[in-house]
Amino acid sequence: MTQEIQQVGLYTLEEGFLKLEWPGTLYWAKHVETSATFIIHKLHRDEFPWLDERQWKSFRADLEQLLIFSHPSLLTYKDILNIEETTYLISEAPRLPSRDVPKTLKELLEQLPKGKLVERDALAALLQLAEGVQYLHAQGMIHQLLQDEAIFIDWGQKPLRLKVGLYGLAALLPKKEPPPPSLNPYLPPEFREERASHPRSDIYSLGILLWQMLTGENTQPSLEHFRTAEAGSIVLPIPRFSRATQSIFEKTISTNVEERHTHLQLLIQQLQKAVQNDLTSTAEPLPITTIAQFYPQVDEAALPPEEPIAYEEVQDGLKKTLEALIKNRPGTSKTLRPLPEKIPESWEQEALQQGRTQGASHTPMWFIPILLLLATVIYLIFRYWP
């Protein structure tokens, strides 16, 4: 590394983090004042000759929005420096027990004995990635560069956290030239052929990542014998995998874009169900003990509601309606009973019945014996009075 790039702003660069196949290079970086460790992604103008000057300036201007993005499954950007024709993206560094452990999904799969994860681990990992990409979609951004090199591993969390990186760089992709070879297996056919890009493109890339985590392969030929020749849809069953995983493949890696999930929330719901209920068929142990805490804890409170209207809103509306129905009605109570767990079919009938019952029992029960005694005394007086 030359002396020219050893100091960038308030950061000192060190080689050795990751040499990406595309785009650019990642360096370790240390802040000179705080000694905090970061990652710097260096992008030089000459690496993207297909971009004209206007496109390059537009790309650099749009990077500022990345600084406000924050999600547990995203590698968060902390600063952006534009120095002459070079852009430096400063992001958080994933916590590592040492610099020798795998830093990306690509390195992890390369170091595993079988080059793949067991089924439940792969689904749990994809759930984390899908949640991060869904956050990007909610901000109006398509990742488009999803690949094994773009997935970073944070070893400082239990369970382990996979983080999506290299987002916000889709504008660097060539529009006419062939896509980078390392990215090509993850790109859906509509992008490779027509450069069409939409959220379903990221869903396809996530499906290829799942296939890679389960088989150790990311090449298109390994999938072709599961596709129909005319439509490119996935033909089930796929041997070795549970029905839950096969259903995920059916809705992610179809070359027919209309057969994929329309949005990521549907894929997330599939994954949550499979991970929570352990719908996978595998029973073999985890490949390495360091992934023993790989499973994310799914927060049930975060699951989408089954009903479009909250029950509390229904309760409030019914309470106001009842108050209007029984207000000032003779013999009725002015306070409502607690709402039941299930909404009755006819609240009005129940309220009216409650009023009639309360009206019928308005006379105090203790007064009845006194009336009987008084009647008896009057009878005896009239009967035996001389």
Protein backbone atom coordinates (compact mmCIF):
# COMPACT_ATOMS: atom_id res chain seq x y z
CA MET A 1 0.00 0.00 0.00
CA THR A 2 1.45 3.35 -1.00
CA GLN A 3 2.03 6.22 1.39
CA GLU A 4 -0.59 8.25 -0.47
CA ILE A 5 -3.57 6.26 0.86
CA GLN A 6 -2.32 5.35 4.32
CA GLN A 7 -3.97 8.45 5.77
CA VAL A 8 -7.50 9.35 4.70
CA GLY A 9 -8.96 12.24 6.64
CA LEU A 10 -8.90 11.19 10.29
CA TYR A 11 -8.48 7.50 9.43
CA THR A 12 -5.36 5.37 9.09
CA LEU A 13 -5.74 2.54 6.61
CA GLU A 14 -4.43 -1.01 7.02
CA GLU A 15 -4.45 -3.72 4.39
CA GLY A 16 -5.82 -7.16 5.00
CA PHE A 17 -9.56 -6.88 5.44
CA LEU A 18 -10.96 -7.95 2.09
CA LYS A 19 -10.08 -7.65 -1.57
CA LEU A 20 -13.46 -7.69 -3.27
CA GLU A 21 -13.81 -9.20 -6.71
CA TRP A 22 -16.09 -6.24 -7.40
CA PRO A 23 -16.44 -3.36 -6.61
CA GLY A 24 -13.36 -1.83 -4.98
CA THR A 25 -11.37 -2.89 -1.93
CA LEU A 26 -12.11 -2.99 1.79
CA TYR A 27 -9.48 -1.86 4.32
CA TRP A 28 -9.22 -1.90 8.06
CA ALA A 29 -9.20 1.69 9.35
CA LYS A 30 -8.46 3.22 12.72
CA HIS A 31 -9.66 6.66 13.78
CA VAL A 32 -6.59 8.69 14.79
CA GLU A 33 -8.35 10.45 17.69
CA THR A 34 -10.55 7.74 19.19
CA SER A 35 -8.61 4.62 18.05
CA ALA A 36 -11.96 3.08 17.08
CA THR A 37 -11.82 0.47 14.32
CA PHE A 38 -13.83 0.83 11.11
CA ILE A 39 -13.94 -0.54 7.57
CA ILE A 40 -13.21 1.71 4.61
CA HIS A 41 -14.54 0.81 1.18
CA LYS A 42 -12.41 2.53 -1.47
CA LEU A 43 -14.01 3.26 -4.85
CA HIS A 44 -12.03 5.00 -7.58
CA ARG A 45 -13.56 6.65 -10.62
CA ASP A 46 -11.37 4.66 -13.03
CA GLU A 47 -12.99 1.37 -11.92
CA PHE A 48 -16.27 2.38 -13.56
CA PRO A 49 -15.45 3.61 -17.09
CA TRP A 50 -19.03 3.09 -18.28
CA LEU A 51 -20.22 5.94 -16.01
CA ASP A 52 -20.10 9.43 -17.48
CA GLU A 53 -19.24 12.43 -15.34
CA ARG A 54 -22.85 13.27 -14.58
CA GLN A 55 -23.63 9.72 -13.45
CA TRP A 56 -20.53 9.60 -11.22
CA LYS A 57 -21.44 12.90 -9.54
CA SER A 58 -25.04 11.76 -9.08
CA PHE A 59 -23.85 8.52 -7.48
CA ARG A 60 -21.62 10.39 -5.01
CA ALA A 61 -24.38 12.85 -4.13
CA ASP A 62 -26.87 10.06 -3.39
CA LEU A 63 -24.50 8.38 -0.92
CA GLU A 64 -25.32 10.90 1.82
CA GLN A 65 -28.68 9.26 2.47
CA LEU A 66 -26.94 6.04 3.54
CA LEU A 67 -25.75 7.70 6.76
CA ILE A 68 -29.25 7.65 8.24
CA PHE A 69 -29.87 3.95 7.55
CA SER A 70 -29.81 1.78 10.66
CA HIS A 71 -30.89 -1.83 11.16
CA PRO A 72 -29.41 -4.78 13.14
CA SER A 73 -28.94 -6.71 9.89
CA LEU A 74 -27.17 -3.90 8.03
CA LEU A 75 -23.49 -2.94 8.15
CA THR A 76 -24.03 0.70 9.11
CA TYR A 77 -22.24 3.52 7.30
CA LYS A 78 -20.63 6.07 9.62
CA ASP A 79 -19.00 8.57 7.26
CA ILE A 80 -18.43 9.30 3.57
CA LEU A 81 -15.37 11.07 2.16
CA ASN A 82 -15.03 12.28 -1.44
CA ILE A 83 -11.41 13.14 -2.17
CA GLU A 84 -10.72 14.06 -5.77
CA GLU A 85 -11.76 11.05 -7.90
CA THR A 86 -11.93 8.57 -4.99
CA THR A 87 -14.86 7.88 -2.68
CA TYR A 88 -14.32 6.34 0.75
CA LEU A 89 -17.28 4.69 2.50
CA ILE A 90 -16.57 4.34 6.23
CA SER A 91 -18.72 1.71 7.95
CA GLU A 92 -18.81 -0.06 11.27
CA ALA A 93 -16.50 -3.06 11.60
CA PRO A 94 -18.08 -6.40 12.51
CA ARG A 95 -16.85 -7.63 15.86
CA LEU A 96 -14.38 -10.48 15.42
CA PRO A 97 -12.61 -12.59 18.07
CA SER A 98 -9.54 -12.39 15.82
CA ARG A 99 -8.79 -11.27 12.29
CA ASP A 100 -8.35 -14.88 11.23
CA VAL A 101 -12.01 -15.90 11.58
CA PRO A 102 -14.35 -15.68 8.56
CA LYS A 103 -15.51 -12.11 8.00
CA THR A 104 -17.98 -12.79 5.19
CA LEU A 105 -20.38 -15.55 4.23
CA LYS A 106 -18.05 -16.44 1.37
CA GLU A 107 -15.11 -17.04 3.73
CA LEU A 108 -17.32 -18.98 6.16
CA LEU A 109 -18.53 -21.41 3.50
CA GLU A 110 -14.99 -21.83 2.18
CA GLN A 111 -13.72 -22.83 5.64
CA LEU A 112 -16.54 -25.20 6.60
CA PRO A 113 -15.62 -28.88 6.09
CA LYS A 114 -18.54 -29.52 3.74
CA GLY A 115 -18.73 -25.99 2.38
CA LYS A 116 -22.34 -25.58 3.46
CA LEU A 117 -24.68 -25.07 6.41
CA VAL A 118 -27.32 -27.43 7.72
CA GLU A 119 -30.85 -26.60 6.74
CA ARG A 120 -32.12 -24.87 9.87
CA ASP A 121 -28.99 -22.73 10.17
CA ALA A 122 -29.31 -21.62 6.55
CA LEU A 123 -32.96 -20.63 7.01
CA ALA A 124 -32.13 -18.71 10.20
CA ALA A 125 -29.31 -16.90 8.40
CA LEU A 126 -31.57 -16.02 5.46
CA LEU A 127 -34.18 -14.64 7.88
CA GLN A 128 -31.65 -12.13 9.19
CA LEU A 129 -30.62 -11.13 5.67
CA ALA A 130 -34.22 -10.79 4.47
CA GLU A 131 -35.03 -8.46 7.36
CA GLY A 132 -32.07 -6.24 6.47
CA VAL A 133 -32.99 -6.12 2.77
CA GLN A 134 -36.63 -5.44 3.66
CA TYR A 135 -35.45 -2.36 5.58
CA LEU A 136 -33.67 -1.15 2.43
CA HIS A 137 -36.82 -1.68 0.37
CA ALA A 138 -38.80 0.35 2.91
CA GLN A 139 -36.36 3.22 2.26
CA GLY A 140 -36.98 2.93 -1.47
CA MET A 141 -33.65 1.22 -2.23
CA ILE A 142 -32.97 -2.00 -4.13
CA HIS A 143 -29.70 -3.66 -3.14
CA GLN A 144 -28.94 -5.36 -6.48
CA LEU A 145 -25.41 -6.41 -5.37
CA LEU A 146 -26.41 -9.23 -3.00
CA GLN A 147 -23.69 -11.91 -3.06
CA ASP A 148 -21.67 -13.95 -0.58
CA GLU A 149 -19.02 -11.20 -0.40
CA ALA A 150 -21.65 -8.66 0.62
CA ILE A 151 -22.71 -10.61 3.74
CA PHE A 152 -20.63 -9.87 6.85
CA ILE A 153 -20.52 -11.83 10.11
CA ASP A 154 -20.65 -10.13 13.51
CA TRP A 155 -19.15 -12.60 15.98
CA GLY A 156 -19.83 -10.30 18.94
CA GLN A 157 -23.50 -11.21 19.20
CA LYS A 158 -25.22 -14.37 20.40
CA PRO A 159 -26.83 -15.60 18.30
CA LEU A 160 -24.42 -14.63 15.53
CA ARG A 161 -25.63 -11.74 13.44
CA LEU A 162 -25.26 -11.67 9.67
CA LYS A 163 -25.16 -8.13 8.26
CA VAL A 164 -25.87 -6.98 4.73
CA GLY A 165 -23.21 -4.67 3.31
CA LEU A 166 -22.28 -3.07 -0.03
CA TYR A 167 -25.72 -1.48 -0.35
CA GLY A 168 -26.32 1.81 -2.09
CA LEU A 169 -23.94 0.88 -4.93
CA ALA A 170 -26.40 -0.34 -7.58
CA ALA A 171 -25.77 2.78 -9.68
CA LEU A 172 -22.24 1.49 -10.34
CA LEU A 173 -23.49 -1.54 -12.28
CA PRO A 174 -22.91 -1.36 -16.04
CA LYS A 175 -26.01 -0.75 -18.12
CA LYS A 176 -24.79 -2.27 -21.38
CA GLU A 177 -21.62 -4.21 -20.60
CA PRO A 178 -21.83 -7.70 -19.04
CA PRO A 179 -22.20 -7.67 -15.23
CA PRO A 180 -19.16 -8.49 -13.06
CA PRO A 181 -18.47 -12.27 -13.10
CA SER A 182 -18.60 -12.58 -9.30
CA LEU A 183 -22.06 -11.01 -9.23
CA ASN A 184 -23.52 -12.76 -12.25
CA PRO A 185 -24.76 -15.95 -10.50
CA TYR A 186 -26.87 -13.88 -8.09
CA LEU A 187 -28.49 -11.62 -10.68
CA PRO A 188 -31.96 -12.58 -11.89
CA PRO A 189 -32.44 -13.20 -15.61
CA GLU A 190 -34.47 -10.03 -16.10
CA PHE A 191 -31.43 -7.99 -15.07
CA ARG A 192 -28.88 -9.98 -17.05
CA GLU A 193 -31.01 -9.78 -20.18
CA GLU A 194 -32.85 -6.46 -19.93
CA ARG A 195 -31.24 -4.66 -16.95
CA ALA A 196 -34.67 -4.58 -15.31
CA SER A 197 -34.47 -3.98 -11.56
CA HIS A 198 -37.19 -4.17 -8.87
CA PRO A 199 -37.62 -5.60 -5.36
CA ARG A 200 -38.26 -9.10 -6.71
CA SER A 201 -34.70 -9.03 -8.07
CA ASP A 202 -33.38 -8.98 -4.49
CA ILE A 203 -35.75 -11.82 -3.59
CA TYR A 204 -34.16 -13.90 -6.36
CA SER A 205 -30.65 -13.10 -5.05
CA LEU A 206 -31.66 -14.14 -1.52
CA GLY A 207 -32.93 -17.45 -2.91
CA ILE A 208 -29.59 -18.07 -4.61
CA LEU A 209 -27.79 -17.29 -1.33
CA LEU A 210 -29.98 -19.89 0.42
CA TRP A 211 -29.17 -22.42 -2.31
CA GLN A 212 -25.46 -21.68 -1.85
CA MET A 213 -25.65 -22.04 1.95
CA LEU A 214 -27.38 -25.41 1.57
CA THR A 215 -25.39 -26.90 -1.32
CA GLY A 216 -22.12 -24.96 -1.44
CA GLU A 217 -22.92 -23.99 -5.06
CA ASN A 218 -24.13 -20.73 -6.53
CA THR A 219 -23.96 -21.60 -10.22
CA GLN A 220 -26.99 -21.58 -12.46
CA PRO A 221 -26.37 -25.09 -13.91
CA SER A 222 -26.82 -26.61 -10.46
CA LEU A 223 -30.41 -25.33 -10.52
CA GLU A 224 -31.42 -26.00 -14.10
CA HIS A 225 -32.66 -29.55 -13.60
CA PHE A 226 -35.25 -28.21 -11.14
CA ARG A 227 -36.73 -25.74 -13.63
CA THR A 228 -39.36 -26.23 -16.29
CA ALA A 229 -37.95 -25.58 -19.76
CA GLU A 230 -40.72 -23.26 -20.91
CA ALA A 231 -41.38 -21.08 -17.84
CA GLY A 232 -38.31 -21.40 -15.65
CA SER A 233 -40.42 -22.11 -12.58
CA ILE A 234 -39.17 -24.45 -9.86
CA VAL A 235 -40.37 -28.06 -10.08
CA LEU A 236 -40.89 -29.77 -6.74
CA PRO A 237 -39.85 -31.89 -5.00
CA ILE A 238 -36.20 -30.97 -4.61
CA PRO A 239 -34.45 -33.92 -2.93
CA ARG A 240 -32.72 -33.57 0.46
CA PHE A 241 -34.72 -30.54 1.64
CA SER A 242 -37.83 -30.18 3.77
CA ARG A 243 -41.13 -29.09 2.30
CA ALA A 244 -40.75 -25.71 4.02
CA THR A 245 -37.43 -25.06 2.28
CA GLN A 246 -38.75 -26.29 -1.06
CA SER A 247 -41.64 -23.82 -0.79
CA ILE A 248 -39.15 -21.00 -0.22
CA PHE A 249 -37.19 -21.97 -3.33
CA GLU A 250 -40.45 -22.10 -5.28
CA LYS A 251 -41.15 -18.45 -4.42
CA THR A 252 -37.63 -17.02 -4.74
CA ILE A 253 -35.46 -18.52 -7.48
CA SER A 254 -38.00 -18.93 -10.25
CA THR A 255 -36.72 -17.28 -13.42
CA ASN A 256 -40.32 -16.21 -14.01
CA VAL A 257 -40.55 -13.00 -11.99
CA GLU A 258 -44.33 -13.30 -11.60
CA GLU A 259 -43.92 -16.54 -9.64
CA ARG A 260 -41.71 -14.97 -6.97
CA HIS A 261 -43.00 -13.33 -3.82
CA THR A 262 -44.35 -9.87 -4.51
CA HIS A 263 -42.61 -8.43 -1.43
CA LEU A 264 -40.17 -9.56 1.23
CA GLN A 265 -42.64 -9.69 4.11
CA LEU A 266 -44.10 -12.87 2.60
CA LEU A 267 -40.66 -14.50 2.52
CA ILE A 268 -39.96 -13.36 6.10
CA GLN A 269 -43.21 -14.92 7.28
CA GLN A 270 -42.25 -18.21 5.59
CA LEU A 271 -38.85 -18.17 7.27
CA GLN A 272 -40.21 -17.23 10.70
CA LYS A 273 -42.64 -20.13 10.58
CA ALA A 274 -39.96 -22.59 9.48
CA VAL A 275 -37.43 -21.46 12.12
CA GLN A 276 -39.91 -21.15 15.01
CA ASN A 277 -41.62 -24.49 14.39
CA ASP A 278 -38.44 -26.26 13.21
CA LEU A 279 -40.09 -27.48 10.00
CA THR A 280 -36.79 -28.66 8.58
CA SER A 281 -36.08 -32.32 8.20
CA THR A 282 -32.38 -32.33 9.02
CA ALA A 283 -31.11 -33.79 12.27
CA GLU A 284 -27.36 -33.73 11.64
CA PRO A 285 -25.19 -31.65 13.99
CA LEU A 286 -23.90 -28.20 13.16
CA PRO A 287 -20.72 -28.21 11.05
CA ILE A 288 -18.63 -26.23 13.54
CA THR A 289 -19.31 -25.51 17.21
CA THR A 290 -18.85 -21.76 16.78
CA ILE A 291 -22.22 -21.62 15.01
CA ALA A 292 -24.06 -23.31 17.88
CA GLN A 293 -25.88 -20.04 18.68
CA PHE A 294 -26.72 -19.23 15.08
CA TYR A 295 -30.48 -19.20 15.47
CA PRO A 296 -32.09 -15.77 15.81
CA GLN A 297 -34.68 -15.29 18.55
CA VAL A 298 -37.86 -14.46 16.64
CA ASP A 299 -39.84 -11.78 18.48
CA GLU A 300 -43.49 -12.82 18.35
CA ALA A 301 -44.54 -9.24 19.07
CA ALA A 302 -42.85 -8.21 15.83
CA LEU A 303 -44.92 -10.61 13.73
CA PRO A 304 -47.52 -8.90 11.54
CA PRO A 305 -51.07 -8.95 12.98
CA GLU A 306 -53.44 -11.49 11.51
CA GLU A 307 -56.36 -9.03 11.53
CA PRO A 308 -56.24 -5.74 9.63
CA ILE A 309 -57.92 -3.85 12.53
CA ALA A 310 -56.56 -3.94 16.07
CA TYR A 311 -58.91 -5.51 18.64
CA GLU A 312 -58.50 -2.47 20.92
CA GLU A 313 -59.92 -0.22 18.20
CA VAL A 314 -62.94 -2.51 17.84
CA GLN A 315 -63.45 -2.42 21.61
CA ASP A 316 -63.41 1.38 21.71
CA GLY A 317 -65.93 1.62 18.89
CA LEU A 318 -68.29 -0.90 20.50
CA LYS A 319 -68.06 0.81 23.87
CA LYS A 320 -69.11 4.16 22.39
CA THR A 321 -71.99 2.49 20.53
CA LEU A 322 -73.22 0.77 23.70
CA GLU A 323 -73.05 3.93 25.74
CA ALA A 324 -75.24 5.64 23.16
CA LEU A 325 -77.72 2.73 23.16
CA ILE A 326 -78.29 2.40 26.92
CA LYS A 327 -77.75 5.99 28.01
CA ASN A 328 -80.67 7.16 30.23
CA ARG A 329 -82.55 3.90 29.69
CA PRO A 330 -84.63 3.18 32.86
CA GLY A 331 -83.31 0.42 35.08
CA THR A 332 -79.92 0.16 33.34
CA SER A 333 -76.49 0.67 34.71
CA LYS A 334 -74.51 3.71 33.57
CA THR A 335 -71.24 1.74 33.55
CA LEU A 336 -70.45 -1.06 31.15
CA ARG A 337 -69.17 -4.46 32.12
CA PRO A 338 -65.61 -5.37 31.13
CA LEU A 339 -65.35 -6.35 27.47
CA PRO A 340 -65.08 -10.12 26.95
CA GLU A 341 -62.22 -11.90 25.25
CA LYS A 342 -64.44 -12.60 22.26
CA ILE A 343 -66.82 -10.08 20.75
CA PRO A 344 -70.52 -11.20 21.14
CA GLU A 345 -72.56 -11.51 18.00
CA SER A 346 -75.15 -8.93 19.13
CA TRP A 347 -74.00 -6.35 21.64
CA GLU A 348 -77.27 -4.42 21.46
CA GLN A 349 -79.38 -7.43 22.44
CA GLU A 350 -77.06 -8.24 25.33
CA ALA A 351 -77.16 -4.63 26.56
CA LEU A 352 -80.94 -4.53 26.41
CA GLN A 353 -81.18 -7.88 28.18
CA GLN A 354 -78.82 -6.56 30.87
CA GLY A 355 -81.12 -3.53 31.31
CA ARG A 356 -84.27 -5.65 31.65
CA THR A 357 -82.60 -7.94 34.15
CA GLN A 358 -81.33 -5.08 36.25
CA GLY A 359 -84.75 -3.34 36.04
CA ALA A 360 -86.58 -6.49 37.23
CA SER A 361 -84.32 -6.90 40.22
CA HIS A 362 -84.48 -3.23 41.26
CA THR A 363 -86.54 -4.02 44.48
CA PRO A 364 -84.19 -5.01 47.37
CA MET A 365 -84.57 -8.65 48.40
CA TRP A 366 -84.29 -7.94 52.16
CA PHE A 367 -87.55 -5.91 52.10
CA ILE A 368 -89.73 -8.91 51.13
CA PRO A 369 -89.77 -10.63 54.61
CA ILE A 370 -90.76 -7.32 56.22
CA LEU A 371 -93.69 -6.97 53.86
CA LEU A 372 -94.83 -10.53 54.62
CA LEU A 373 -94.61 -9.90 58.38
CA LEU A 374 -96.55 -6.65 58.08
CA ALA A 375 -99.26 -8.36 56.06
CA THR A 376 -99.54 -11.10 58.67
CA VAL A 377 -99.94 -8.57 61.51
CA ILE A 378 -102.66 -6.68 59.64
CA TYR A 379 -104.50 -9.94 58.97
CA LEU A 380 -104.43 -10.98 62.62
CA ILE A 381 -105.65 -7.55 63.77
CA PHE A 382 -108.64 -7.64 61.50
CA ARG A 383 -109.38 -11.30 62.31
CA TYR A 384 -109.32 -11.19 66.10
CA TRP A 385 -110.11 -7.55 66.93
CA PRO A 386 -113.22 -7.42 69.22
